[in-house]
C-alpha atoms as a PDB file:
ATOM      1  CA  MET A   1       0.000   0.000   0.000  1.00  0.00           C
ATOM      2  CA  TYR A   2       1.121   3.507  -0.780  1.00  0.00           C
ATOM      3  CA  GLN A   3       0.660   7.065   0.376  1.00  0.00           C
ATOM      4  CA  ARG A   4       0.543   9.988  -2.021  1.00  0.00           C
ATOM      5  CA  GLY A   5       1.808  13.529  -1.598  1.00  0.00           C
ATOM      6  CA  THR A   6       4.443  16.083  -2.517  1.00  0.00           C
ATOM      7  CA  LEU A   7       8.163  15.520  -2.143  1.00  0.00           C
ATOM      8  CA  GLU A   8       8.120  17.794   0.913  1.00  0.00           C
ATOM      9  CA  GLU A   9       5.368  15.675   2.508  1.00  0.00           C
ATOM     10  CA  PHE A  10       7.349  12.520   1.783  1.00  0.00           C
ATOM     11  CA  ASN A  11      10.485  14.003   3.363  1.00  0.00           C
ATOM     12  CA  GLN A  12       8.576  15.011   6.513  1.00  0.00           C
ATOM     13  CA  TRP A  13       6.927  11.584   6.762  1.00  0.00           C
ATOM     14  CA  HIS A  14      10.252   9.868   6.096  1.00  0.00           C
ATOM     15  CA  GLU A  15      12.046  11.686   8.919  1.00  0.00           C
ATOM     16  CA  LYS A  16       9.216  10.938  11.393  1.00  0.00           C
ATOM     17  CA  THR A  17       9.236   7.286  10.364  1.00  0.00           C
ATOM     18  CA  LYS A  18      12.988   6.942  10.738  1.00  0.00           C
ATOM     19  CA  LEU A  19      12.802   8.477  14.218  1.00  0.00           C
ATOM     20  CA  SER A  20       9.926   6.169  15.200  1.00  0.00           C
ATOM     21  CA  TYR A  21      12.115   3.174  14.327  1.00  0.00           C
ATOM     22  CA  GLY A  22      15.143   4.571  16.142  1.00  0.00           C
ATOM     23  CA  ILE A  23      17.050   5.237  12.937  1.00  0.00           C
ATOM     24  CA  PRO A  24      19.567   8.052  13.393  1.00  0.00           C
ATOM     25  CA  PRO A  25      19.280  11.044  11.003  1.00  0.00           C
ATOM     26  CA  GLY A  26      22.463   9.993   9.198  1.00  0.00           C
ATOM     27  CA  GLY A  27      21.305   6.495   8.370  1.00  0.00           C
ATOM     28  CA  ILE A  28      20.142   3.136   9.588  1.00  0.00           C
ATOM     29  CA  ILE A  29      22.367   0.797  11.521  1.00  0.00           C
ATOM     30  CA  GLY A  30      22.235  -2.402   9.493  1.00  0.00           C
ATOM     31  CA  TYR A  31      23.718  -5.823  10.021  1.00  0.00           C
ATOM     32  CA  VAL A  32      26.239  -7.797   7.993  1.00  0.00           C
ATOM     33  CA  ASN A  33      26.450 -11.493   8.893  1.00  0.00           C
ATOM     34  CA  GLY A  34      24.825 -10.792  12.258  1.00  0.00           C
ATOM     35  CA  ARG A  35      27.188  -7.965  13.231  1.00  0.00           C
ATOM     36  CA  LEU A  36      26.531  -4.228  13.136  1.00  0.00           C
ATOM     37  CA  ALA A  37      27.486  -2.782   9.770  1.00  0.00           C
ATOM     38  CA  PRO A  38      30.285  -0.219   9.669  1.00  0.00           C
ATOM     39  CA  ASP A  39      29.333   3.427   9.076  1.00  0.00           C
ATOM     40  CA  ASN A  40      30.172   3.243   5.370  1.00  0.00           C
ATOM     41  CA  GLN A  41      27.565   0.510   4.887  1.00  0.00           C
ATOM     42  CA  ARG A  42      24.686   2.349   6.485  1.00  0.00           C
ATOM     43  CA  THR A  43      21.735   3.323   4.374  1.00  0.00           C
ATOM     44  CA  ILE A  44      19.959   6.640   4.633  1.00  0.00           C
ATOM     45  CA  ASN A  45      16.462   5.734   3.403  1.00  0.00           C
ATOM     46  CA  TYR A  46      13.752   3.797   5.169  1.00  0.00           C
ATOM     47  CA  VAL A  47      11.791   3.683   1.902  1.00  0.00           C
ATOM     48  CA  ASP A  48      12.049   5.507  -1.411  1.00  0.00           C
ATOM     49  CA  SER A  49       9.412   7.609  -3.093  1.00  0.00           C
ATOM     50  CA  ALA A  50       8.415   7.412  -6.760  1.00  0.00           C
ATOM     51  CA  GLN A  51       7.688  10.540  -8.758  1.00  0.00           C
ATOM     52  CA  LYS A  52       4.740  10.458 -11.165  1.00  0.00           C
ATOM     53  CA  PRO A  53       6.038  10.040 -14.735  1.00  0.00           C
ATOM     54  CA  ASP A  54       4.666  13.460 -15.763  1.00  0.00           C
ATOM     55  CA  LYS A  55       7.427  14.962 -13.537  1.00  0.00           C
ATOM     56  CA  SER A  56       4.946  16.880 -11.379  1.00  0.00           C
ATOM     57  CA  ASN A  57       5.458  17.285  -7.630  1.00  0.00           C
ATOM     58  CA  ASP A  58       3.270  14.212  -7.157  1.00  0.00           C
ATOM     59  CA  TYR A  59       4.859  11.263  -5.374  1.00  0.00           C
ATOM     60  CA  ILE A  60       3.872   7.936  -3.868  1.00  0.00           C
ATOM     61  CA  TRP A  61       5.708   5.812  -1.330  1.00  0.00           C
ATOM     62  CA  PRO A  62       5.094   2.512   0.419  1.00  0.00           C
ATOM     63  CA  TYR A  63       4.085   3.529   3.891  1.00  0.00           C
ATOM     64  CA  GLY A  64       5.599   0.659   5.845  1.00  0.00           C
ATOM     65  CA  GLY A  65       4.638   0.583   9.500  1.00  0.00           C
ATOM     66  CA  TYR A  66       3.959   4.271  10.085  1.00  0.00           C
ATOM     67  CA  ILE A  67       0.803   5.707   8.535  1.00  0.00           C
ATOM     68  CA  ASP A  68       0.164   9.420   8.194  1.00  0.00           C
ATOM     69  CA  ASP A  69      -3.472   9.594   9.275  1.00  0.00           C
ATOM     70  CA  LYS A  70      -4.021  12.734   7.195  1.00  0.00           C
ATOM     71  CA  LYS A  71      -3.353  10.756   4.000  1.00  0.00           C
ATOM     72  CA  SER A  72      -5.445   8.150   2.265  1.00  0.00           C
ATOM     73  CA  VAL A  73      -3.915   4.776   1.499  1.00  0.00           C
ATOM     74  CA  LEU A  74      -3.531   3.738  -2.138  1.00  0.00           C
ATOM     75  CA  LEU A  75      -3.658   0.087  -3.101  1.00  0.00           C
ATOM     76  CA  LYS A  76      -1.491  -1.326  -5.899  1.00  0.00           C
ATOM     77  CA  LEU A  77      -4.576  -1.225  -8.166  1.00  0.00           C
ATOM     78  CA  ASP A  78      -5.007   2.508  -7.397  1.00  0.00           C
ATOM     79  CA  VAL A  79      -1.357   3.127  -8.267  1.00  0.00           C
ATOM     80  CA  ASP A  80      -1.720   1.253 -11.557  1.00  0.00           C
ATOM     81  CA  ASN A  81      -4.917   3.135 -12.456  1.00  0.00           C
ATOM     82  CA  LEU A  82      -3.229   6.477 -11.720  1.00  0.00           C
ATOM     83  CA  GLY A  83      -0.519   5.628 -14.261  1.00  0.00           C
ATOM     84  CA  TRP A  84       2.437   5.809 -11.913  1.00  0.00           C
ATOM     85  CA  PHE A  85       4.612   3.249 -13.633  1.00  0.00           C
ATOM     86  CA  ILE A  86       5.250   2.575 -17.298  1.00  0.00           C
ATOM     87  CA  GLY A  87       2.796  -0.002 -18.566  1.00  0.00           C
ATOM     88  CA  SER A  88       0.115   0.861 -16.027  1.00  0.00           C
ATOM     89  CA  VAL A  89      -3.394   1.843 -17.115  1.00  0.00           C
ATOM     90  CA  GLY A  90      -2.974   5.626 -16.931  1.00  0.00           C
ATOM     91  CA  ASN A  91       0.083   5.669 -19.249  1.00  0.00           C
END
Protein backbone atom coordinates (compact mmCIF):
# COMPACT_ATOMS: atom_id res chain seq x y z
CA MET A 1 0.00 0.00 0.00
CA TYR A 2 1.12 3.51 -0.78
CA GLN A 3 0.66 7.06 0.38
CA ARG A 4 0.54 9.99 -2.02
CA GLY A 5 1.81 13.53 -1.60
CA THR A 6 4.44 16.08 -2.52
CA LEU A 7 8.16 15.52 -2.14
CA GLU A 8 8.12 17.79 0.91
CA GLU A 9 5.37 15.67 2.51
CA PHE A 10 7.35 12.52 1.78
CA ASN A 11 10.49 14.00 3.36
CA GLN A 12 8.58 15.01 6.51
CA TRP A 13 6.93 11.58 6.76
CA HIS A 14 10.25 9.87 6.10
CA GLU A 15 12.05 11.69 8.92
CA LYS A 16 9.22 10.94 11.39
CA THR A 17 9.24 7.29 10.36
CA LYS A 18 12.99 6.94 10.74
CA LEU A 19 12.80 8.48 14.22
CA SER A 20 9.93 6.17 15.20
CA TYR A 21 12.11 3.17 14.33
CA GLY A 22 15.14 4.57 16.14
CA ILE A 23 17.05 5.24 12.94
CA PRO A 24 19.57 8.05 13.39
CA PRO A 25 19.28 11.04 11.00
CA GLY A 26 22.46 9.99 9.20
CA GLY A 27 21.30 6.49 8.37
CA ILE A 28 20.14 3.14 9.59
CA ILE A 29 22.37 0.80 11.52
CA GLY A 30 22.23 -2.40 9.49
CA TYR A 31 23.72 -5.82 10.02
CA VAL A 32 26.24 -7.80 7.99
CA ASN A 33 26.45 -11.49 8.89
CA GLY A 34 24.82 -10.79 12.26
CA ARG A 35 27.19 -7.96 13.23
CA LEU A 36 26.53 -4.23 13.14
CA ALA A 37 27.49 -2.78 9.77
CA PRO A 38 30.29 -0.22 9.67
CA ASP A 39 29.33 3.43 9.08
CA ASN A 40 30.17 3.24 5.37
CA GLN A 41 27.57 0.51 4.89
CA ARG A 42 24.69 2.35 6.48
CA THR A 43 21.73 3.32 4.37
CA ILE A 44 19.96 6.64 4.63
CA ASN A 45 16.46 5.73 3.40
CA TYR A 46 13.75 3.80 5.17
CA VAL A 47 11.79 3.68 1.90
CA ASP A 48 12.05 5.51 -1.41
CA SER A 49 9.41 7.61 -3.09
CA ALA A 50 8.41 7.41 -6.76
CA GLN A 51 7.69 10.54 -8.76
CA LYS A 52 4.74 10.46 -11.17
CA PRO A 53 6.04 10.04 -14.74
CA ASP A 54 4.67 13.46 -15.76
CA LYS A 55 7.43 14.96 -13.54
CA SER A 56 4.95 16.88 -11.38
CA ASN A 57 5.46 17.29 -7.63
CA ASP A 58 3.27 14.21 -7.16
CA TYR A 59 4.86 11.26 -5.37
CA ILE A 60 3.87 7.94 -3.87
CA TRP A 61 5.71 5.81 -1.33
CA PRO A 62 5.09 2.51 0.42
CA TYR A 63 4.08 3.53 3.89
CA GLY A 64 5.60 0.66 5.85
CA GLY A 65 4.64 0.58 9.50
CA TYR A 66 3.96 4.27 10.09
CA ILE A 67 0.80 5.71 8.54
CA ASP A 68 0.16 9.42 8.19
CA ASP A 69 -3.47 9.59 9.27
CA LYS A 70 -4.02 12.73 7.20
CA LYS A 71 -3.35 10.76 4.00
CA SER A 72 -5.44 8.15 2.27
CA VAL A 73 -3.92 4.78 1.50
CA LEU A 74 -3.53 3.74 -2.14
CA LEU A 75 -3.66 0.09 -3.10
CA LYS A 76 -1.49 -1.33 -5.90
CA LEU A 77 -4.58 -1.23 -8.17
CA ASP A 78 -5.01 2.51 -7.40
CA VAL A 79 -1.36 3.13 -8.27
CA ASP A 80 -1.72 1.25 -11.56
CA ASN A 81 -4.92 3.13 -12.46
CA LEU A 82 -3.23 6.48 -11.72
CA GLY A 83 -0.52 5.63 -14.26
CA TRP A 84 2.44 5.81 -11.91
CA PHE A 85 4.61 3.25 -13.63
CA ILE A 86 5.25 2.58 -17.30
CA GLY A 87 2.80 0.00 -18.57
CA SER A 88 0.11 0.86 -16.03
CA VAL A 89 -3.39 1.84 -17.11
CA GLY A 90 -2.97 5.63 -16.93
CA ASN A 91 0.08 5.67 -19.25
